[in-house]
Amino acid sequence: MINAVFKRKCDKSADILCCTIKGHALSGEYGNDVVCAGVSALAINAINSMELLALTKPIVKINNKTGYLYIEPVKSKTIKHNNYSQLLLESLYLGLRTIEKDYGKYIKIENVVD
């Protein structure tokens, strides 16, 4: 099962401080696992978009073998780019929630407040 945890600020903004995705869906054979492929595509797209559109380089830790991915936005010099990073992380959250609705047996999404 894939577990994704979005750690949020404990204030009105509820900004995402980091996201941790762990595990493998095992919803299909290796190379044909649509849940794993969807989660991977959304996560890598979020990271790439933060770099190219928000002009920030998030902290990323990854272990393909264990299915571990950690994403932490890095503060930009501008509020606009910080907002872009948050928007992209919220988009990742929404995309994963959509997958969870259809494939809840293989993925669980959580929000935790720090």
PDB file of N, CA and C in Angstrom:
ATOM      1  N   MET A   1       0.844  -1.187   0.000  1.00  0.00           N
ATOM      2  CA  MET A   1       0.000   0.000   0.000  1.00  0.00           C
ATOM      3  C   MET A   1       0.882   1.242   0.000  1.00  0.00           C
ATOM      4  N   ILE A   2       0.414   2.262  -0.696  1.00  0.00           N
ATOM      5  CA  ILE A   2       1.088   3.559  -0.694  1.00  0.00           C
ATOM      6  C   ILE A   2       0.439   4.422   0.374  1.00  0.00           C
ATOM      7  N   ASN A   3       1.269   5.040   1.206  1.00  0.00           N
ATOM      8  CA  ASN A   3       0.800   5.992   2.217  1.00  0.00           C
ATOM      9  C   ASN A   3       1.423   7.347   1.919  1.00  0.00           C
ATOM     10  N   ALA A   4       0.587   8.352   1.770  1.00  0.00           N
ATOM     11  CA  ALA A   4       1.062   9.712   1.541  1.00  0.00           C
ATOM     12  C   ALA A   4       0.615  10.579   2.704  1.00  0.00           C
ATOM     13  N   VAL A   5       1.561  11.303   3.285  1.00  0.00           N
ATOM     14  CA  VAL A   5       1.261  12.180   4.419  1.00  0.00           C
ATOM     15  C   VAL A   5       1.675  13.601   4.046  1.00  0.00           C
ATOM     16  N   PHE A   6       0.724  14.518   4.170  1.00  0.00           N
ATOM     17  CA  PHE A   6       0.976  15.932   3.936  1.00  0.00           C
ATOM     18  C   PHE A   6       0.994  16.626   5.295  1.00  0.00           C
ATOM     19  N   LYS A   7       2.153  17.122   5.660  1.00  0.00           N
ATOM     20  CA  LYS A   7       2.320  17.819   6.936  1.00  0.00           C
ATOM     21  C   LYS A   7       2.045  19.298   6.681  1.00  0.00           C
ATOM     22  N   ARG A   8       1.121  19.862   7.466  1.00  0.00           N
ATOM     23  CA  ARG A   8       0.687  21.252   7.262  1.00  0.00           C
ATOM     24  C   ARG A   8       0.966  22.125   8.465  1.00  0.00           C
ATOM     25  N   LYS A   9       1.092  23.420   8.182  1.00  0.00           N
ATOM     26  CA  LYS A   9       1.246  24.400   9.257  1.00  0.00           C
ATOM     27  C   LYS A   9      -0.023  24.437  10.096  1.00  0.00           C
ATOM     28  N   CYS A  10       0.172  24.720  11.361  1.00  0.00           N
ATOM     29  CA  CYS A  10      -0.956  24.843  12.281  1.00  0.00           C
ATOM     30  C   CYS A  10      -1.364  26.315  12.380  1.00  0.00           C
ATOM     31  N   ASP A  11      -1.767  26.868  11.262  1.00  0.00           N
ATOM     32  CA  ASP A  11      -2.266  28.246  11.253  1.00  0.00           C
ATOM     33  C   ASP A  11      -3.319  28.373  10.170  1.00  0.00           C
ATOM     34  N   LYS A  12      -3.800  29.573   9.978  1.00  0.00           N
ATOM     35  CA  LYS A  12      -4.877  29.817   9.017  1.00  0.00           C
ATOM     36  C   LYS A  12      -4.501  29.426   7.584  1.00  0.00           C
ATOM     37  N   SER A  13      -3.242  29.553   7.241  1.00  0.00           N
ATOM     38  CA  SER A  13      -2.805  29.246   5.877  1.00  0.00           C
ATOM     39  C   SER A  13      -2.853  27.750   5.582  1.00  0.00           C
ATOM     40  N   ALA A  14      -2.573  26.923   6.587  1.00  0.00           N
ATOM     41  CA  ALA A  14      -2.488  25.467   6.435  1.00  0.00           C
ATOM     42  C   ALA A  14      -1.546  25.078   5.299  1.00  0.00           C
ATOM     43  N   ASP A  15      -0.490  25.872   5.105  1.00  0.00           N
ATOM     44  CA  ASP A  15       0.496  25.574   4.065  1.00  0.00           C
ATOM     45  C   ASP A  15       1.090  24.185   4.270  1.00  0.00           C
ATOM     46  N   ILE A  16       1.460  23.559   3.175  1.00  0.00           N
ATOM     47  CA  ILE A  16       2.093  22.252   3.227  1.00  0.00           C
ATOM     48  C   ILE A  16       3.578  22.451   3.541  1.00  0.00           C
ATOM     49  N   LEU A  17       4.031  21.855   4.639  1.00  0.00           N
ATOM     50  CA  LEU A  17       5.432  21.935   5.043  1.00  0.00           C
ATOM     51  C   LEU A  17       6.263  20.880   4.327  1.00  0.00           C
ATOM     52  N   CYS A  18       5.668  19.705   4.137  1.00  0.00           N
ATOM     53  CA  CYS A  18       6.350  18.630   3.419  1.00  0.00           C
ATOM     54  C   CYS A  18       5.337  17.543   3.072  1.00  0.00           C
ATOM     55  N   CYS A  19       5.757  16.677   2.194  1.00  0.00           N
ATOM     56  CA  CYS A  19       4.948  15.543   1.787  1.00  0.00           C
ATOM     57  C   CYS A  19       5.848  14.312   1.778  1.00  0.00           C
ATOM     58  N   THR A  20       5.358  13.232   2.378  1.00  0.00           N
ATOM     59  CA  THR A  20       6.083  11.967   2.370  1.00  0.00           C
ATOM     60  C   THR A  20       5.188  10.910   1.735  1.00  0.00           C
ATOM     61  N   ILE A  21       5.723  10.224   0.748  1.00  0.00           N
ATOM     62  CA  ILE A  21       5.004   9.138   0.087  1.00  0.00           C
ATOM     63  C   ILE A  21       5.846   7.880   0.277  1.00  0.00           C
ATOM     64  N   LYS A  22       5.213   6.827   0.802  1.00  0.00           N
ATOM     65  CA  LYS A  22       5.942   5.593   1.102  1.00  0.00           C
ATOM     66  C   LYS A  22       5.178   4.386   0.575  1.00  0.00           C
ATOM     67  N   GLY A  23       5.931   3.389   0.148  1.00  0.00           N
ATOM     68  CA  GLY A  23       5.352   2.096  -0.180  1.00  0.00           C
ATOM     69  C   GLY A  23       5.106   1.879  -1.653  1.00  0.00           C
ATOM     70  N   HIS A  24       4.564   0.715  -1.939  1.00  0.00           N
ATOM     71  CA  HIS A  24       4.211   0.327  -3.300  1.00  0.00           C
ATOM     72  C   HIS A  24       2.748  -0.096  -3.307  1.00  0.00           C
ATOM     73  N   ALA A  25       2.041   0.248  -4.358  1.00  0.00           N
ATOM     74  CA  ALA A  25       0.615  -0.064  -4.439  1.00  0.00           C
ATOM     75  C   ALA A  25       0.361  -1.559  -4.589  1.00  0.00           C
ATOM     76  N   LEU A  26       1.150  -2.210  -5.413  1.00  0.00           N
ATOM     77  CA  LEU A  26       0.967  -3.628  -5.708  1.00  0.00           C
ATOM     78  C   LEU A  26      -0.430  -3.913  -6.249  1.00  0.00           C
ATOM     79  N   SER A  27      -0.933  -2.992  -7.072  1.00  0.00           N
ATOM     80  CA  SER A  27      -2.260  -3.169  -7.671  1.00  0.00           C
ATOM     81  C   SER A  27      -2.195  -3.914  -8.996  1.00  0.00           C
ATOM     82  N   GLY A  28      -0.995  -4.202  -9.446  1.00  0.00           N
ATOM     83  CA  GLY A  28      -0.812  -4.934 -10.693  1.00  0.00           C
ATOM     84  C   GLY A  28       0.617  -5.430 -10.771  1.00  0.00           C
ATOM     85  N   GLU A  29       0.889  -6.193 -11.796  1.00  0.00           N
ATOM     86  CA  GLU A  29       2.250  -6.692 -11.981  1.00  0.00           C
ATOM     87  C   GLU A  29       3.218  -5.540 -12.198  1.00  0.00           C
ATOM     88  N   TYR A  30       4.490  -5.788 -11.880  1.00  0.00           N
ATOM     89  CA  TYR A  30       5.526  -4.782 -12.086  1.00  0.00           C
ATOM     90  C   TYR A  30       5.475  -4.317 -13.540  1.00  0.00           C
ATOM     91  N   GLY A  31       5.434  -3.027 -13.724  1.00  0.00           N
ATOM     92  CA  GLY A  31       5.347  -2.452 -15.062  1.00  0.00           C
ATOM     93  C   GLY A  31       3.922  -2.211 -15.529  1.00  0.00           C
ATOM     94  N   ASN A  32       2.947  -2.770 -14.818  1.00  0.00           N
ATOM     95  CA  ASN A  32       1.535  -2.602 -15.174  1.00  0.00           C
ATOM     96  C   ASN A  32       0.700  -2.122 -13.989  1.00  0.00           C
ATOM     97  N   ASP A  33       1.342  -1.525 -13.016  1.00  0.00           N
ATOM     98  CA  ASP A  33       0.665  -1.053 -11.808  1.00  0.00           C
ATOM     99  C   ASP A  33       0.214   0.386 -12.034  1.00  0.00           C
ATOM    100  N   VAL A  34      -1.071   0.568 -12.391  1.00  0.00           N
ATOM    101  CA  VAL A  34      -1.558   1.902 -12.740  1.00  0.00           C
ATOM    102  C   VAL A  34      -1.584   2.851 -11.549  1.00  0.00           C
ATOM    103  N   VAL A  35      -1.791   2.334 -10.346  1.00  0.00           N
ATOM    104  CA  VAL A  35      -1.803   3.195  -9.160  1.00  0.00           C
ATOM    105  C   VAL A  35      -0.404   3.748  -8.914  1.00  0.00           C
ATOM    106  N   CYS A  36       0.569   2.866  -8.939  1.00  0.00           N
ATOM    107  CA  CYS A  36       1.952   3.296  -8.730  1.00  0.00           C
ATOM    108  C   CYS A  36       2.387   4.278  -9.818  1.00  0.00           C
ATOM    109  N   ALA A  37       2.023   3.983 -11.047  1.00  0.00           N
ATOM    110  CA  ALA A  37       2.382   4.864 -12.160  1.00  0.00           C
ATOM    111  C   ALA A  37       1.733   6.239 -12.003  1.00  0.00           C
ATOM    112  N   GLY A  38       0.478   6.273 -11.594  1.00  0.00           N
ATOM    113  CA  GLY A  38      -0.221   7.545 -11.409  1.00  0.00           C
ATOM    114  C   GLY A  38       0.383   8.377 -10.296  1.00  0.00           C
ATOM    115  N   VAL A  39       0.672   7.735  -9.174  1.00  0.00           N
ATOM    116  CA  VAL A  39       1.276   8.433  -8.035  1.00  0.00           C
ATOM    117  C   VAL A  39       2.649   8.965  -8.427  1.00  0.00           C
ATOM    118  N   SER A  40       3.433   8.137  -9.080  1.00  0.00           N
ATOM    119  CA  SER A  40       4.780   8.552  -9.505  1.00  0.00           C
ATOM    120  C   SER A  40       4.716   9.732 -10.463  1.00  0.00           C
ATOM    121  N   ALA A  41       3.830   9.659 -11.429  1.00  0.00           N
ATOM    122  CA  ALA A  41       3.707  10.741 -12.416  1.00  0.00           C
ATOM    123  C   ALA A  41       3.310  12.058 -11.747  1.00  0.00           C
ATOM    124  N   LEU A  42       2.341  12.001 -10.852  1.00  0.00           N
ATOM    125  CA  LEU A  42       1.907  13.222 -10.160  1.00  0.00           C
ATOM    126  C   LEU A  42       3.029  13.809  -9.307  1.00  0.00           C
ATOM    127  N   ALA A  43       3.730  12.951  -8.574  1.00  0.00           N
ATOM    128  CA  ALA A  43       4.784  13.426  -7.671  1.00  0.00           C
ATOM    129  C   ALA A  43       5.955  14.024  -8.438  1.00  0.00           C
ATOM    130  N   ILE A  44       6.415  13.337  -9.467  1.00  0.00           N
ATOM    131  CA  ILE A  44       7.551  13.850 -10.250  1.00  0.00           C
ATOM    132  C   ILE A  44       7.156  15.123 -10.982  1.00  0.00           C
ATOM    133  N   ASN A  45       5.924  15.175 -11.459  1.00  0.00           N
ATOM    134  CA  ASN A  45       5.451  16.400 -12.115  1.00  0.00           C
ATOM    135  C   ASN A  45       5.435  17.574 -11.132  1.00  0.00           C
ATOM    136  N   ALA A  46       5.022  17.333  -9.902  1.00  0.00           N
ATOM    137  CA  ALA A  46       5.002  18.401  -8.886  1.00  0.00           C
ATOM    138  C   ALA A  46       6.413  18.925  -8.639  1.00  0.00           C
ATOM    139  N   ILE A  47       7.368  17.997  -8.516  1.00  0.00           N
ATOM    140  CA  ILE A  47       8.762  18.400  -8.277  1.00  0.00           C
ATOM    141  C   ILE A  47       9.300  19.196  -9.466  1.00  0.00           C
ATOM    142  N   ASN A  48       9.118  18.671 -10.656  1.00  0.00           N
ATOM    143  CA  ASN A  48       9.602  19.365 -11.860  1.00  0.00           C
ATOM    144  C   ASN A  48       8.940  20.728 -12.025  1.00  0.00           C
ATOM    145  N   SER A  49       7.653  20.801 -11.738  1.00  0.00           N
ATOM    146  CA  SER A  49       6.922  22.066 -11.873  1.00  0.00           C
ATOM    147  C   SER A  49       7.382  23.096 -10.846  1.00  0.00           C
ATOM    148  N   MET A  50       7.703  22.631  -9.634  1.00  0.00           N
ATOM    149  CA  MET A  50       8.217  23.560  -8.628  1.00  0.00           C
ATOM    150  C   MET A  50       9.537  24.165  -9.102  1.00  0.00           C
ATOM    151  N   GLU A  51      10.365  23.345  -9.730  1.00  0.00           N
ATOM    152  CA  GLU A  51      11.654  23.847 -10.217  1.00  0.00           C
ATOM    153  C   GLU A  51      11.490  24.787 -11.407  1.00  0.00           C
ATOM    154  N   LEU A  52      10.634  24.426 -12.348  1.00  0.00           N
ATOM    155  CA  LEU A  52      10.523  25.194 -13.589  1.00  0.00           C
ATOM    156  C   LEU A  52       9.527  26.354 -13.532  1.00  0.00           C
ATOM    157  N   LEU A  53       8.443  26.185 -12.786  1.00  0.00           N
ATOM    158  CA  LEU A  53       7.416  27.224 -12.745  1.00  0.00           C
ATOM    159  C   LEU A  53       7.498  28.104 -11.503  1.00  0.00           C
ATOM    160  N   ALA A  54       7.801  27.492 -10.361  1.00  0.00           N
ATOM    161  CA  ALA A  54       7.909  28.259  -9.122  1.00  0.00           C
ATOM    162  C   ALA A  54       9.334  28.747  -8.890  1.00  0.00           C
ATOM    163  N   LEU A  55      10.245  28.305  -9.750  1.00  0.00           N
ATOM    164  CA  LEU A  55      11.653  28.711  -9.683  1.00  0.00           C
ATOM    165  C   LEU A  55      12.277  28.434  -8.322  1.00  0.00           C
ATOM    166  N   THR A  56      11.881  27.314  -7.727  1.00  0.00           N
ATOM    167  CA  THR A  56      12.466  26.883  -6.465  1.00  0.00           C
ATOM    168  C   THR A  56      12.946  25.447  -6.629  1.00  0.00           C
ATOM    169  N   LYS A  57      13.910  25.069  -5.869  1.00  0.00           N
ATOM    170  CA  LYS A  57      14.400  23.687  -5.899  1.00  0.00           C
ATOM    171  C   LYS A  57      14.038  23.046  -4.564  1.00  0.00           C
ATOM    172  N   PRO A  58      12.950  22.265  -4.543  1.00  0.00           N
ATOM    173  CA  PRO A  58      12.542  21.661  -3.283  1.00  0.00           C
ATOM    174  C   PRO A  58      13.563  20.636  -2.796  1.00  0.00           C
ATOM    175  N   ILE A  59      13.525  20.382  -1.499  1.00  0.00           N
ATOM    176  CA  ILE A  59      14.330  19.303  -0.938  1.00  0.00           C
ATOM    177  C   ILE A  59      13.621  18.008  -1.307  1.00  0.00           C
ATOM    178  N   VAL A  60      14.339  17.112  -1.952  1.00  0.00           N
ATOM    179  CA  VAL A  60      13.765  15.848  -2.394  1.00  0.00           C
ATOM    180  C   VAL A  60      14.658  14.708  -1.940  1.00  0.00           C
ATOM    181  N   LYS A  61      14.051  13.731  -1.314  1.00  0.00           N
ATOM    182  CA  LYS A  61      14.744  12.501  -0.933  1.00  0.00           C
ATOM    183  C   LYS A  61      13.949  11.356  -1.542  1.00  0.00           C
ATOM    184  N   ILE A  62      14.670  10.419  -2.164  1.00  0.00           N
ATOM    185  CA  ILE A  62      13.982   9.354  -2.880  1.00  0.00           C
ATOM    186  C   ILE A  62      14.716   8.025  -2.729  1.00  0.00           C
ATOM    187  N   ASN A  63      13.927   6.966  -2.617  1.00  0.00           N
ATOM    188  CA  ASN A  63      14.464   5.613  -2.630  1.00  0.00           C
ATOM    189  C   ASN A  63      13.486   4.766  -3.448  1.00  0.00           C
ATOM    190  N   ASN A  64      13.827   4.518  -4.694  1.00  0.00           N
ATOM    191  CA  ASN A  64      12.943   3.777  -5.592  1.00  0.00           C
ATOM    192  C   ASN A  64      12.664   2.360  -5.102  1.00  0.00           C
ATOM    193  N   LYS A  65      13.649   1.766  -4.489  1.00  0.00           N
ATOM    194  CA  LYS A  65      13.511   0.384  -4.037  1.00  0.00           C
ATOM    195  C   LYS A  65      12.400   0.247  -2.993  1.00  0.00           C
ATOM    196  N   THR A  66      12.382   1.155  -2.039  1.00  0.00           N
ATOM    197  CA  THR A  66      11.382   1.075  -0.969  1.00  0.00           C
ATOM    198  C   THR A  66      10.122   1.880  -1.285  1.00  0.00           C
ATOM    199  N   GLY A  67      10.153   2.642  -2.376  1.00  0.00           N
ATOM    200  CA  GLY A  67       9.002   3.473  -2.715  1.00  0.00           C
ATOM    201  C   GLY A  67       8.874   4.685  -1.819  1.00  0.00           C
ATOM    202  N   TYR A  68       9.995   5.257  -1.435  1.00  0.00           N
ATOM    203  CA  TYR A  68      10.005   6.413  -0.532  1.00  0.00           C
ATOM    204  C   TYR A  68      10.286   7.695  -1.316  1.00  0.00           C
ATOM    205  N   LEU A  69       9.466   8.709  -1.068  1.00  0.00           N
ATOM    206  CA  LEU A  69       9.680  10.033  -1.667  1.00  0.00           C
ATOM    207  C   LEU A  69       9.316  11.092  -0.637  1.00  0.00           C
ATOM    208  N   TYR A  70      10.220  12.032  -0.457  1.00  0.00           N
ATOM    209  CA  TYR A  70      10.010  13.151   0.466  1.00  0.00           C
ATOM    210  C   TYR A  70      10.165  14.433  -0.333  1.00  0.00           C
ATOM    211  N   ILE A  71       9.197  15.340  -0.193  1.00  0.00           N
ATOM    212  CA  ILE A  71       9.244  16.637  -0.875  1.00  0.00           C
ATOM    213  C   ILE A  71       9.021  17.737   0.152  1.00  0.00           C
ATOM    214  N   GLU A  72       9.934  18.673   0.193  1.00  0.00           N
ATOM    215  CA  GLU A  72       9.806  19.823   1.099  1.00  0.00           C
ATOM    216  C   GLU A  72      10.059  21.097   0.298  1.00  0.00           C
ATOM    217  N   PRO A  73       9.076  21.990   0.254  1.00  0.00           N
ATOM    218  CA  PRO A  73       9.299  23.234  -0.480  1.00  0.00           C
ATOM    219  C   PRO A  73      10.348  24.090   0.221  1.00  0.00           C
ATOM    220  N   VAL A  74      11.106  24.806  -0.555  1.00  0.00           N
ATOM    221  CA  VAL A  74      12.126  25.711  -0.026  1.00  0.00           C
ATOM    222  C   VAL A  74      11.639  27.129  -0.254  1.00  0.00           C
ATOM    223  N   LYS A  75      11.777  27.956   0.753  1.00  0.00           N
ATOM    224  CA  LYS A  75      11.322  29.340   0.626  1.00  0.00           C
ATOM    225  C   LYS A  75      12.049  30.056  -0.493  1.00  0.00           C
ATOM    226  N   SER A  76      11.270  30.742  -1.291  1.00  0.00           N
ATOM    227  CA  SER A  76      11.801  31.540  -2.384  1.00  0.00           C
ATOM    228  C   SER A  76      11.987  32.973  -1.899  1.00  0.00           C
ATOM    229  N   LYS A  77      12.631  33.773  -2.732  1.00  0.00           N
ATOM    230  CA  LYS A  77      12.814  35.190  -2.399  1.00  0.00           C
ATOM    231  C   LYS A  77      11.522  35.978  -2.582  1.00  0.00           C
ATOM    232  N   THR A  78      10.570  35.403  -3.331  1.00  0.00           N
ATOM    233  CA  THR A  78       9.322  36.133  -3.589  1.00  0.00           C
ATOM    234  C   THR A  78       8.119  35.356  -3.064  1.00  0.00           C
ATOM    235  N   ILE A  79       7.149  36.096  -2.589  1.00  0.00           N
ATOM    236  CA  ILE A  79       5.898  35.498  -2.121  1.00  0.00           C
ATOM    237  C   ILE A  79       5.205  34.790  -3.271  1.00  0.00           C
ATOM    238  N   LYS A  80       5.274  35.368  -4.459  1.00  0.00           N
ATOM    239  CA  LYS A  80       4.633  34.781  -5.638  1.00  0.00           C
ATOM    240  C   LYS A  80       5.135  33.364  -5.888  1.00  0.00           C
ATOM    241  N   HIS A  81       6.437  33.155  -5.843  1.00  0.00           N
ATOM    242  CA  HIS A  81       6.990  31.824  -6.098  1.00  0.00           C
ATOM    243  C   HIS A  81       6.708  30.859  -4.945  1.00  0.00           C
ATOM    244  N   ASN A  82       6.648  31.369  -3.726  1.00  0.00           N
ATOM    245  CA  ASN A  82       6.233  30.522  -2.594  1.00  0.00           C
ATOM    246  C   ASN A  82       4.792  30.066  -2.785  1.00  0.00           C
ATOM    247  N   ASN A  83       3.945  30.979  -3.238  1.00  0.00           N
ATOM    248  CA  ASN A  83       2.544  30.638  -3.497  1.00  0.00           C
ATOM    249  C   ASN A  83       2.434  29.611  -4.615  1.00  0.00           C
ATOM    250  N   TYR A  84       3.252  29.738  -5.646  1.00  0.00           N
ATOM    251  CA  TYR A  84       3.257  28.751  -6.734  1.00  0.00           C
ATOM    252  C   TYR A  84       3.611  27.369  -6.195  1.00  0.00           C
ATOM    253  N   SER A  85       4.641  27.305  -5.344  1.00  0.00           N
ATOM    254  CA  SER A  85       5.042  26.020  -4.765  1.00  0.00           C
ATOM    255  C   SER A  85       3.891  25.402  -3.975  1.00  0.00           C
ATOM    256  N   GLN A  86       3.200  26.217  -3.191  1.00  0.00           N
ATOM    257  CA  GLN A  86       2.063  25.714  -2.421  1.00  0.00           C
ATOM    258  C   GLN A  86       0.941  25.227  -3.340  1.00  0.00           C
ATOM    259  N   LEU A  87       0.686  25.976  -4.381  1.00  0.00           N
ATOM    260  CA  LEU A  87      -0.352  25.587  -5.334  1.00  0.00           C
ATOM    261  C   LEU A  87      -0.015  24.238  -5.983  1.00  0.00           C
ATOM    262  N   LEU A  88       1.232  24.057  -6.340  1.00  0.00           N
ATOM    263  CA  LEU A  88       1.653  22.799  -6.963  1.00  0.00           C
ATOM    264  C   LEU A  88       1.567  21.628  -5.983  1.00  0.00           C
ATOM    265  N   LEU A  89       1.898  21.854  -4.721  1.00  0.00           N
ATOM    266  CA  LEU A  89       1.759  20.803  -3.714  1.00  0.00           C
ATOM    267  C   LEU A  89       0.290  20.489  -3.433  1.00  0.00           C
ATOM    268  N   GLU A  90      -0.556  21.508  -3.444  1.00  0.00           N
ATOM    269  CA  GLU A  90      -2.002  21.280  -3.278  1.00  0.00           C
ATOM    270  C   GLU A  90      -2.548  20.485  -4.470  1.00  0.00           C
ATOM    271  N   SER A  91      -2.027  20.771  -5.656  1.00  0.00           N
ATOM    272  CA  SER A  91      -2.426  20.019  -6.840  1.00  0.00           C
ATOM    273  C   SER A  91      -2.022  18.546  -6.706  1.00  0.00           C
ATOM    274  N   LEU A  92      -0.833  18.291  -6.195  1.00  0.00           N
ATOM    275  CA  LEU A  92      -0.394  16.923  -5.932  1.00  0.00           C
ATOM    276  C   LEU A  92      -1.353  16.256  -4.953  1.00  0.00           C
ATOM    277  N   TYR A  93      -1.688  16.960  -3.885  1.00  0.00           N
ATOM    278  CA  TYR A  93      -2.622  16.428  -2.889  1.00  0.00           C
ATOM    279  C   TYR A  93      -3.964  16.056  -3.531  1.00  0.00           C
ATOM    280  N   LEU A  94      -4.518  16.965  -4.328  1.00  0.00           N
ATOM    281  CA  LEU A  94      -5.811  16.708  -4.971  1.00  0.00           C
ATOM    282  C   LEU A  94      -5.734  15.540  -5.946  1.00  0.00           C
ATOM    283  N   GLY A  95      -4.651  15.464  -6.700  1.00  0.00           N
ATOM    284  CA  GLY A  95      -4.483  14.360  -7.635  1.00  0.00           C
ATOM    285  C   GLY A  95      -4.408  13.016  -6.920  1.00  0.00           C
ATOM    286  N   LEU A  96      -3.678  12.977  -5.815  1.00  0.00           N
ATOM    287  CA  LEU A  96      -3.573  11.742  -5.044  1.00  0.00           C
ATOM    288  C   LEU A  96      -4.909  11.367  -4.407  1.00  0.00           C
ATOM    289  N   ARG A  97      -5.657  12.373  -3.963  1.00  0.00           N
ATOM    290  CA  ARG A  97      -6.987  12.098  -3.391  1.00  0.00           C
ATOM    291  C   ARG A  97      -7.914  11.507  -4.440  1.00  0.00           C
ATOM    292  N   THR A  98      -7.787  11.950  -5.678  1.00  0.00           N
ATOM    293  CA  THR A  98      -8.595  11.400  -6.764  1.00  0.00           C
ATOM    294  C   THR A  98      -8.257   9.925  -6.983  1.00  0.00           C
ATOM    295  N   ILE A  99      -6.978   9.608  -6.960  1.00  0.00           N
ATOM    296  CA  ILE A  99      -6.570   8.206  -7.090  1.00  0.00           C
ATOM    297  C   ILE A  99      -7.106   7.398  -5.906  1.00  0.00           C
ATOM    298  N   GLU A 100      -7.034   7.983  -4.716  1.00  0.00           N
ATOM    299  CA  GLU A 100      -7.509   7.295  -3.516  1.00  0.00           C
ATOM    300  C   GLU A 100      -9.007   6.971  -3.612  1.00  0.00           C
ATOM    301  N   LYS A 101      -9.786   7.865  -4.202  1.00  0.00           N
ATOM    302  CA  LYS A 101     -11.234   7.622  -4.330  1.00  0.00           C
ATOM    303  C   LYS A 101     -11.519   6.363  -5.139  1.00  0.00           C
ATOM    304  N   ASP A 102     -10.758   6.137  -6.195  1.00  0.00           N
ATOM    305  CA  ASP A 102     -10.989   4.979  -7.057  1.00  0.00           C
ATOM    306  C   ASP A 102     -10.209   3.737  -6.643  1.00  0.00           C
ATOM    307  N   TYR A 103      -9.077   3.929  -5.971  1.00  0.00           N
ATOM    308  CA  TYR A 103      -8.187   2.816  -5.634  1.00  0.00           C
ATOM    309  C   TYR A 103      -7.792   2.829  -4.159  1.00  0.00           C
ATOM    310  N   GLY A 104      -8.755   3.119  -3.299  1.00  0.00           N
ATOM    311  CA  GLY A 104      -8.494   3.237  -1.862  1.00  0.00           C
ATOM    312  C   GLY A 104      -7.907   1.999  -1.217  1.00  0.00           C
ATOM    313  N   LYS A 105      -8.037   0.876  -1.872  1.00  0.00           N
ATOM    314  CA  LYS A 105      -7.458  -0.370  -1.359  1.00  0.00           C
ATOM    315  C   LYS A 105      -5.931  -0.334  -1.443  1.00  0.00           C
ATOM    316  N   TYR A 106      -5.394   0.549  -2.305  1.00  0.00           N
ATOM    317  CA  TYR A 106      -3.963   0.563  -2.587  1.00  0.00           C
ATOM    318  C   TYR A 106      -3.250   1.845  -2.154  1.00  0.00           C
ATOM    319  N   ILE A 107      -4.017   2.856  -1.742  1.00  0.00           N
ATOM    320  CA  ILE A 107      -3.399   4.141  -1.392  1.00  0.00           C
ATOM    321  C   ILE A 107      -4.209   4.834  -0.297  1.00  0.00           C
ATOM    322  N   LYS A 108      -3.489   5.446   0.641  1.00  0.00           N
ATOM    323  CA  LYS A 108      -4.123   6.207   1.720  1.00  0.00           C
ATOM    324  C   LYS A 108      -3.427   7.559   1.826  1.00  0.00           C
ATOM    325  N   ILE A 109      -4.223   8.621   1.878  1.00  0.00           N
ATOM    326  CA  ILE A 109      -3.705   9.991   1.968  1.00  0.00           C
ATOM    327  C   ILE A 109      -4.108  10.559   3.331  1.00  0.00           C
ATOM    328  N   GLU A 110      -3.150  11.213   3.990  1.00  0.00           N
ATOM    329  CA  GLU A 110      -3.417  11.827   5.295  1.00  0.00           C
ATOM    330  C   GLU A 110      -2.907  13.270   5.313  1.00  0.00           C
ATOM    331  N   ASN A 111      -3.603  14.096   6.078  1.00  0.00           N
ATOM    332  CA  ASN A 111      -3.132  15.428   6.428  1.00  0.00           C
ATOM    333  C   ASN A 111      -2.810  15.412   7.908  1.00  0.00           C
ATOM    334  N   VAL A 112      -1.655  15.915   8.276  1.00  0.00           N
ATOM    335  CA  VAL A 112      -1.319  16.066   9.686  1.00  0.00           C
ATOM    336  C   VAL A 112      -0.918  17.516   9.912  1.00  0.00           C
ATOM    337  N   VAL A 113      -1.272  18.019  11.057  1.00  0.00           N
ATOM    338  CA  VAL A 113      -0.970  19.406  11.395  1.00  0.00           C
ATOM    339  C   VAL A 113       0.225  19.430  12.326  1.00  0.00           C
ATOM    340  N   ASP A 114       1.173  20.310  12.020  1.00  0.00           N
ATOM    341  CA  ASP A 114       2.388  20.424  12.832  1.00  0.00           C
ATOM    342  C   ASP A 114       2.262  21.591  13.770  1.00  0.00           C
TER     343      ASP A 114
END
